[in-house]
Every structure is written in C-alpha cells, then in structure tokens.
PDB file of N, CA and C in Angstrom:
ATOM      1  N   MET A   1      69.841 -54.757   4.982  1.00  0.00           N
ATOM      2  CA  MET A   1      70.438 -53.478   5.330  1.00  0.00           C
ATOM      3  C   MET A   1      71.815 -53.699   5.964  1.00  0.00           C
ATOM      4  N   GLU A   2      71.906 -54.699   6.848  1.00  0.00           N
ATOM      5  CA  GLU A   2      73.180 -54.961   7.520  1.00  0.00           C
ATOM      6  C   GLU A   2      74.256 -55.388   6.525  1.00  0.00           C
ATOM      7  N   GLU A   3      73.866 -56.191   5.542  1.00  0.00           N
ATOM      8  CA  GLU A   3      74.831 -56.667   4.552  1.00  0.00           C
ATOM      9  C   GLU A   3      75.381 -55.510   3.715  1.00  0.00           C
ATOM     10  N   LEU A   4      74.494 -54.619   3.278  1.00  0.00           N
ATOM     11  CA  LEU A   4      74.940 -53.463   2.492  1.00  0.00           C
ATOM     12  C   LEU A   4      75.821 -52.546   3.333  1.00  0.00           C
ATOM     13  N   GLN A   5      75.435 -52.320   4.577  1.00  0.00           N
ATOM     14  CA  GLN A   5      76.244 -51.490   5.473  1.00  0.00           C
ATOM     15  C   GLN A   5      77.628 -52.103   5.676  1.00  0.00           C
ATOM     16  N   GLU A   6      77.678 -53.407   5.859  1.00  0.00           N
ATOM     17  CA  GLU A   6      78.961 -54.079   6.049  1.00  0.00           C
ATOM     18  C   GLU A   6      79.865 -53.910   4.819  1.00  0.00           C
ATOM     19  N   VAL A   7      79.277 -54.030   3.644  1.00  0.00           N
ATOM     20  CA  VAL A   7      80.050 -53.853   2.405  1.00  0.00           C
ATOM     21  C   VAL A   7      80.601 -52.431   2.324  1.00  0.00           C
ATOM     22  N   VAL A   8      79.758 -51.445   2.579  1.00  0.00           N
ATOM     23  CA  VAL A   8      80.191 -50.036   2.504  1.00  0.00           C
ATOM     24  C   VAL A   8      81.274 -49.755   3.531  1.00  0.00           C
ATOM     25  N   MET A   9      81.090 -50.222   4.749  1.00  0.00           N
ATOM     26  CA  MET A   9      82.060 -49.935   5.811  1.00  0.00           C
ATOM     27  C   MET A   9      83.390 -50.659   5.611  1.00  0.00           C
ATOM     28  N   ASN A  10      83.397 -51.755   4.858  1.00  0.00           N
ATOM     29  CA  ASN A  10      84.629 -52.508   4.629  1.00  0.00           C
ATOM     30  C   ASN A  10      85.325 -52.175   3.306  1.00  0.00           C
ATOM     31  N   MET A  11      84.777 -51.205   2.568  1.00  0.00           N
ATOM     32  CA  MET A  11      85.413 -50.814   1.306  1.00  0.00           C
ATOM     33  C   MET A  11      86.705 -50.057   1.589  1.00  0.00           C
ATOM     34  N   SER A  12      87.657 -50.155   0.663  1.00  0.00           N
ATOM     35  CA  SER A  12      88.922 -49.429   0.808  1.00  0.00           C
ATOM     36  C   SER A  12      88.649 -47.929   0.790  1.00  0.00           C
ATOM     37  N   ARG A  13      89.301 -47.236   1.695  1.00  0.00           N
ATOM     38  CA  ARG A  13      89.092 -45.785   1.793  1.00  0.00           C
ATOM     39  C   ARG A  13      89.844 -45.047   0.695  1.00  0.00           C
ATOM     40  N   ASN A  14      89.422 -43.802   0.476  1.00  0.00           N
ATOM     41  CA  ASN A  14      90.049 -42.897  -0.482  1.00  0.00           C
ATOM     42  C   ASN A  14      89.938 -43.412  -1.916  1.00  0.00           C
ATOM     43  N   LYS A  15      88.843 -44.093  -2.204  1.00  0.00           N
ATOM     44  CA  LYS A  15      88.568 -44.577  -3.555  1.00  0.00           C
ATOM     45  C   LYS A  15      87.231 -43.987  -3.991  1.00  0.00           C
ATOM     46  N   ALA A  16      87.086 -43.668  -5.251  1.00  0.00           N
ATOM     47  CA  ALA A  16      85.817 -43.187  -5.787  1.00  0.00           C
ATOM     48  C   ALA A  16      85.095 -44.361  -6.435  1.00  0.00           C
ATOM     49  N   PRO A  17      83.902 -44.724  -5.939  1.00  0.00           N
ATOM     50  CA  PRO A  17      83.201 -45.867  -6.486  1.00  0.00           C
ATOM     51  C   PRO A  17      82.567 -45.629  -7.849  1.00  0.00           C
ATOM     52  N   GLY A  18      82.532 -44.403  -8.313  1.00  0.00           N
ATOM     53  CA  GLY A  18      81.916 -44.140  -9.608  1.00  0.00           C
ATOM     54  C   GLY A  18      82.314 -42.783 -10.143  1.00  0.00           C
ATOM     55  N   PRO A  19      81.723 -42.397 -11.262  1.00  0.00           N
ATOM     56  CA  PRO A  19      82.099 -41.139 -11.898  1.00  0.00           C
ATOM     57  C   PRO A  19      81.618 -39.893 -11.159  1.00  0.00           C
ATOM     58  N   ASP A  20      80.802 -40.059 -10.118  1.00  0.00           N
ATOM     59  CA  ASP A  20      80.311 -38.897  -9.399  1.00  0.00           C
ATOM     60  C   ASP A  20      81.380 -38.232  -8.545  1.00  0.00           C
ATOM     61  N   GLY A  21      82.480 -38.945  -8.285  1.00  0.00           N
ATOM     62  CA  GLY A  21      83.586 -38.360  -7.535  1.00  0.00           C
ATOM     63  C   GLY A  21      83.476 -38.504  -6.032  1.00  0.00           C
ATOM     64  N   TYR A  22      82.360 -39.015  -5.537  1.00  0.00           N
ATOM     65  CA  TYR A  22      82.223 -39.199  -4.096  1.00  0.00           C
ATOM     66  C   TYR A  22      83.090 -40.371  -3.651  1.00  0.00           C
ATOM     67  N   THR A  23      83.879 -40.146  -2.637  1.00  0.00           N
ATOM     68  CA  THR A  23      84.758 -41.196  -2.142  1.00  0.00           C
ATOM     69  C   THR A  23      84.007 -42.121  -1.188  1.00  0.00           C
ATOM     70  N   VAL A  24      84.630 -43.236  -0.892  1.00  0.00           N
ATOM     71  CA  VAL A  24      84.053 -44.185   0.053  1.00  0.00           C
ATOM     72  C   VAL A  24      83.859 -43.518   1.415  1.00  0.00           C
ATOM     73  N   GLU A  25      84.795 -42.644   1.804  1.00  0.00           N
ATOM     74  CA  GLU A  25      84.667 -41.947   3.087  1.00  0.00           C
ATOM     75  C   GLU A  25      83.366 -41.158   3.169  1.00  0.00           C
ATOM     76  N   PHE A  26      82.937 -40.568   2.045  1.00  0.00           N
ATOM     77  CA  PHE A  26      81.680 -39.820   2.027  1.00  0.00           C
ATOM     78  C   PHE A  26      80.519 -40.738   2.400  1.00  0.00           C
ATOM     79  N   TYR A  27      80.448 -41.891   1.748  1.00  0.00           N
ATOM     80  CA  TYR A  27      79.351 -42.823   2.025  1.00  0.00           C
ATOM     81  C   TYR A  27      79.437 -43.386   3.442  1.00  0.00           C
ATOM     82  N   GLN A  28      80.650 -43.660   3.923  1.00  0.00           N
ATOM     83  CA  GLN A  28      80.799 -44.183   5.279  1.00  0.00           C
ATOM     84  C   GLN A  28      80.392 -43.134   6.316  1.00  0.00           C
ATOM     85  N   ALA A  29      80.801 -41.884   6.118  1.00  0.00           N
ATOM     86  CA  ALA A  29      80.494 -40.823   7.079  1.00  0.00           C
ATOM     87  C   ALA A  29      79.013 -40.455   7.078  1.00  0.00           C
ATOM     88  N   SER A  30      78.356 -40.583   5.936  1.00  0.00           N
ATOM     89  CA  SER A  30      76.952 -40.169   5.855  1.00  0.00           C
ATOM     90  C   SER A  30      75.980 -41.344   5.955  1.00  0.00           C
ATOM     91  N   TRP A  31      76.500 -42.531   6.221  1.00  0.00           N
ATOM     92  CA  TRP A  31      75.652 -43.722   6.248  1.00  0.00           C
ATOM     93  C   TRP A  31      74.501 -43.596   7.240  1.00  0.00           C
ATOM     94  N   HIS A  32      74.742 -42.973   8.398  1.00  0.00           N
ATOM     95  CA  HIS A  32      73.710 -42.910   9.437  1.00  0.00           C
ATOM     96  C   HIS A  32      72.460 -42.156   8.977  1.00  0.00           C
ATOM     97  N   PHE A  33      72.556 -41.247   8.017  1.00  0.00           N
ATOM     98  CA  PHE A  33      71.355 -40.575   7.537  1.00  0.00           C
ATOM     99  C   PHE A  33      71.026 -40.881   6.066  1.00  0.00           C
ATOM    100  N   MET A  34      71.929 -41.495   5.322  1.00  0.00           N
ATOM    101  CA  MET A  34      71.681 -41.816   3.917  1.00  0.00           C
ATOM    102  C   MET A  34      71.531 -43.311   3.651  1.00  0.00           C
ATOM    103  N   GLY A  35      71.865 -44.147   4.603  1.00  0.00           N
ATOM    104  CA  GLY A  35      71.876 -45.587   4.391  1.00  0.00           C
ATOM    105  C   GLY A  35      70.554 -46.150   3.890  1.00  0.00           C
ATOM    106  N   LYS A  36      69.461 -45.708   4.475  1.00  0.00           N
ATOM    107  CA  LYS A  36      68.154 -46.226   4.078  1.00  0.00           C
ATOM    108  C   LYS A  36      67.856 -45.883   2.617  1.00  0.00           C
ATOM    109  N   GLU A  37      68.149 -44.641   2.207  1.00  0.00           N
ATOM    110  CA  GLU A  37      67.898 -44.231   0.826  1.00  0.00           C
ATOM    111  C   GLU A  37      68.800 -44.980  -0.154  1.00  0.00           C
ATOM    112  N   ILE A  38      70.039 -45.211   0.237  1.00  0.00           N
ATOM    113  CA  ILE A  38      70.945 -45.977  -0.620  1.00  0.00           C
ATOM    114  C   ILE A  38      70.421 -47.393  -0.793  1.00  0.00           C
ATOM    115  N   LEU A  39      69.992 -48.011   0.307  1.00  0.00           N
ATOM    116  CA  LEU A  39      69.428 -49.358   0.235  1.00  0.00           C
ATOM    117  C   LEU A  39      68.203 -49.387  -0.679  1.00  0.00           C
ATOM    118  N   GLU A  40      67.323 -48.401  -0.557  1.00  0.00           N
ATOM    119  CA  GLU A  40      66.127 -48.349  -1.399  1.00  0.00           C
ATOM    120  C   GLU A  40      66.500 -48.241  -2.881  1.00  0.00           C
ATOM    121  N   ALA A  41      67.495 -47.430  -3.206  1.00  0.00           N
ATOM    122  CA  ALA A  41      67.928 -47.275  -4.600  1.00  0.00           C
ATOM    123  C   ALA A  41      68.528 -48.577  -5.127  1.00  0.00           C
ATOM    124  N   VAL A  42      69.335 -49.233  -4.299  1.00  0.00           N
ATOM    125  CA  VAL A  42      69.947 -50.504  -4.711  1.00  0.00           C
ATOM    126  C   VAL A  42      68.872 -51.560  -4.925  1.00  0.00           C
ATOM    127  N   GLU A  43      67.933 -51.662  -3.996  1.00  0.00           N
ATOM    128  CA  GLU A  43      66.877 -52.669  -4.099  1.00  0.00           C
ATOM    129  C   GLU A  43      65.962 -52.414  -5.291  1.00  0.00           C
ATOM    130  N   GLU A  44      65.610 -51.150  -5.531  1.00  0.00           N
ATOM    131  CA  GLU A  44      64.752 -50.842  -6.678  1.00  0.00           C
ATOM    132  C   GLU A  44      65.456 -51.189  -7.988  1.00  0.00           C
ATOM    133  N   SER A  45      66.737 -50.875  -8.073  1.00  0.00           N
ATOM    134  CA  SER A  45      67.513 -51.204  -9.275  1.00  0.00           C
ATOM    135  C   SER A  45      67.587 -52.713  -9.476  1.00  0.00           C
ATOM    136  N   ARG A  46      67.768 -53.424  -8.378  1.00  0.00           N
ATOM    137  CA  ARG A  46      67.863 -54.886  -8.456  1.00  0.00           C
ATOM    138  C   ARG A  46      66.529 -55.507  -8.869  1.00  0.00           C
ATOM    139  N   MET A  47      65.443 -55.037  -8.270  1.00  0.00           N
ATOM    140  CA  MET A  47      64.122 -55.606  -8.564  1.00  0.00           C
ATOM    141  C   MET A  47      63.669 -55.299  -9.985  1.00  0.00           C
ATOM    142  N   LYS A  48      63.920 -54.075 -10.446  1.00  0.00           N
ATOM    143  CA  LYS A  48      63.495 -53.683 -11.797  1.00  0.00           C
ATOM    144  C   LYS A  48      64.542 -54.002 -12.852  1.00  0.00           C
ATOM    145  N   GLN A  49      65.723 -54.404 -12.413  1.00  0.00           N
ATOM    146  CA  GLN A  49      66.846 -54.730 -13.289  1.00  0.00           C
ATOM    147  C   GLN A  49      67.216 -53.566 -14.206  1.00  0.00           C
ATOM    148  N   ARG A  50      67.158 -52.365 -13.656  1.00  0.00           N
ATOM    149  CA  ARG A  50      67.611 -51.182 -14.367  1.00  0.00           C
ATOM    150  C   ARG A  50      67.962 -50.088 -13.359  1.00  0.00           C
ATOM    151  N   ILE A  51      68.806 -49.171 -13.783  1.00  0.00           N
ATOM    152  CA  ILE A  51      69.224 -48.049 -12.941  1.00  0.00           C
ATOM    153  C   ILE A  51      68.436 -46.821 -13.359  1.00  0.00           C
ATOM    154  N   TRP A  52      68.073 -45.985 -12.391  1.00  0.00           N
ATOM    155  CA  TRP A  52      67.374 -44.743 -12.720  1.00  0.00           C
ATOM    156  C   TRP A  52      68.161 -43.984 -13.774  1.00  0.00           C
ATOM    157  N   PRO A  53      67.511 -43.497 -14.818  1.00  0.00           N
ATOM    158  CA  PRO A  53      68.233 -42.741 -15.846  1.00  0.00           C
ATOM    159  C   PRO A  53      68.989 -41.538 -15.279  1.00  0.00           C
ATOM    160  N   SER A  54      68.415 -40.878 -14.293  1.00  0.00           N
ATOM    161  CA  SER A  54      69.095 -39.706 -13.724  1.00  0.00           C
ATOM    162  C   SER A  54      70.386 -40.079 -13.001  1.00  0.00           C
ATOM    163  N   ILE A  55      70.438 -41.235 -12.382  1.00  0.00           N
ATOM    164  CA  ILE A  55      71.665 -41.682 -11.720  1.00  0.00           C
ATOM    165  C   ILE A  55      72.689 -42.105 -12.765  1.00  0.00           C
ATOM    166  N   ASN A  56      72.214 -42.775 -13.792  1.00  0.00           N
ATOM    167  CA  ASN A  56      73.099 -43.288 -14.821  1.00  0.00           C
ATOM    168  C   ASN A  56      73.733 -42.177 -15.659  1.00  0.00           C
ATOM    169  N   SER A  57      73.138 -40.992 -15.680  1.00  0.00           N
ATOM    170  CA  SER A  57      73.652 -39.927 -16.532  1.00  0.00           C
ATOM    171  C   SER A  57      74.140 -38.711 -15.746  1.00  0.00           C
ATOM    172  N   THR A  58      74.249 -38.821 -14.449  1.00  0.00           N
ATOM    173  CA  THR A  58      74.654 -37.685 -13.623  1.00  0.00           C
ATOM    174  C   THR A  58      76.127 -37.765 -13.282  1.00  0.00           C
ATOM    175  N   PHE A  59      76.830 -36.678 -13.500  1.00  0.00           N
ATOM    176  CA  PHE A  59      78.231 -36.576 -13.133  1.00  0.00           C
ATOM    177  C   PHE A  59      78.392 -35.334 -12.273  1.00  0.00           C
ATOM    178  N   LEU A  60      78.949 -35.483 -11.094  1.00  0.00           N
ATOM    179  CA  LEU A  60      79.201 -34.371 -10.193  1.00  0.00           C
ATOM    180  C   LEU A  60      80.693 -34.245  -9.975  1.00  0.00           C
ATOM    181  N   THR A  61      81.128 -33.030  -9.797  1.00  0.00           N
ATOM    182  CA  THR A  61      82.536 -32.796  -9.520  1.00  0.00           C
ATOM    183  C   THR A  61      82.648 -31.960  -8.267  1.00  0.00           C
ATOM    184  N   LEU A  62      83.410 -32.421  -7.319  1.00  0.00           N
ATOM    185  CA  LEU A  62      83.675 -31.660  -6.107  1.00  0.00           C
ATOM    186  C   LEU A  62      85.005 -30.945  -6.291  1.00  0.00           C
ATOM    187  N   ILE A  63      84.985 -29.641  -6.114  1.00  0.00           N
ATOM    188  CA  ILE A  63      86.197 -28.848  -6.285  1.00  0.00           C
ATOM    189  C   ILE A  63      86.659 -28.400  -4.908  1.00  0.00           C
ATOM    190  N   PRO A  64      87.810 -28.886  -4.460  1.00  0.00           N
ATOM    191  CA  PRO A  64      88.288 -28.497  -3.126  1.00  0.00           C
ATOM    192  C   PRO A  64      88.720 -27.027  -3.088  1.00  0.00           C
ATOM    193  N   LYS A  65      88.476 -26.420  -1.939  1.00  0.00           N
ATOM    194  CA  LYS A  65      88.921 -25.044  -1.744  1.00  0.00           C
ATOM    195  C   LYS A  65      90.408 -25.039  -1.453  1.00  0.00           C
ATOM    196  N   SER A  66      91.047 -23.974  -1.837  1.00  0.00           N
ATOM    197  CA  SER A  66      92.482 -23.875  -1.606  1.00  0.00           C
ATOM    198  C   SER A  66      92.821 -22.462  -1.133  1.00  0.00           C
ATOM    199  N   ASN A  67      93.670 -22.367  -0.150  1.00  0.00           N
ATOM    200  CA  ASN A  67      94.085 -21.056   0.350  1.00  0.00           C
ATOM    201  C   ASN A  67      95.155 -20.427  -0.534  1.00  0.00           C
ATOM    202  N   SER A  68      95.758 -21.211  -1.389  1.00  0.00           N
ATOM    203  CA  SER A  68      96.843 -20.690  -2.213  1.00  0.00           C
ATOM    204  C   SER A  68      96.466 -20.704  -3.696  1.00  0.00           C
ATOM    205  N   SER A  69      95.309 -20.165  -4.014  1.00  0.00           N
ATOM    206  CA  SER A  69      94.881 -20.121  -5.398  1.00  0.00           C
ATOM    207  C   SER A  69      95.708 -19.140  -6.190  1.00  0.00           C
ATOM    208  N   GLU A  70      95.992 -19.500  -7.427  1.00  0.00           N
ATOM    209  CA  GLU A  70      96.751 -18.638  -8.311  1.00  0.00           C
ATOM    210  C   GLU A  70      96.036 -18.540  -9.642  1.00  0.00           C
ATOM    211  N   GLU A  71      96.067 -17.364 -10.223  1.00  0.00           N
ATOM    212  CA  GLU A  71      95.482 -17.205 -11.547  1.00  0.00           C
ATOM    213  C   GLU A  71      96.539 -17.560 -12.574  1.00  0.00           C
ATOM    214  N   PRO A  72      96.150 -18.226 -13.670  1.00  0.00           N
ATOM    215  CA  PRO A  72      97.134 -18.602 -14.702  1.00  0.00           C
ATOM    216  C   PRO A  72      97.678 -17.390 -15.444  1.00  0.00           C
TER     217      PRO A  72
END
C-alpha cells in the first residue's frame, strides 16, 4: 500500500493517467478514501493478469462549468 501511495503522490501533477480524464490531482486528493479500493483493483489485475472489462471499456468526460458560456 505504501509503495502504491508513494507512486501516486510523486506523479507529475496536471496529467491524465488514462482516457477517463481524471487527473493525478484527483487521485492524490481522494487517496485518503479511495486508496484501498485502488490498491485492490491493481492487485486483482496483477494476480489475474487481466483488467476488469468495465474498466477497460469505460470512458468518462468531466465538463468544467463556465460562467461565460456562449451559444454558437
């Protein structure tokens, strides 16, 4: 757990680690309540040598709110 936490905390900020769009800051800020689940997912993938199909095929997009929205 400590090794995975160290890797996450030392990653370059403002980078998206995958197609889901979540930045490193998201994982660093939420580590205190998501770290255990992330470790479990990593370990299960490593032990079974495969990634959950739902993770492998899921794409999320975060759309930031803007106060100056304009219609085209």
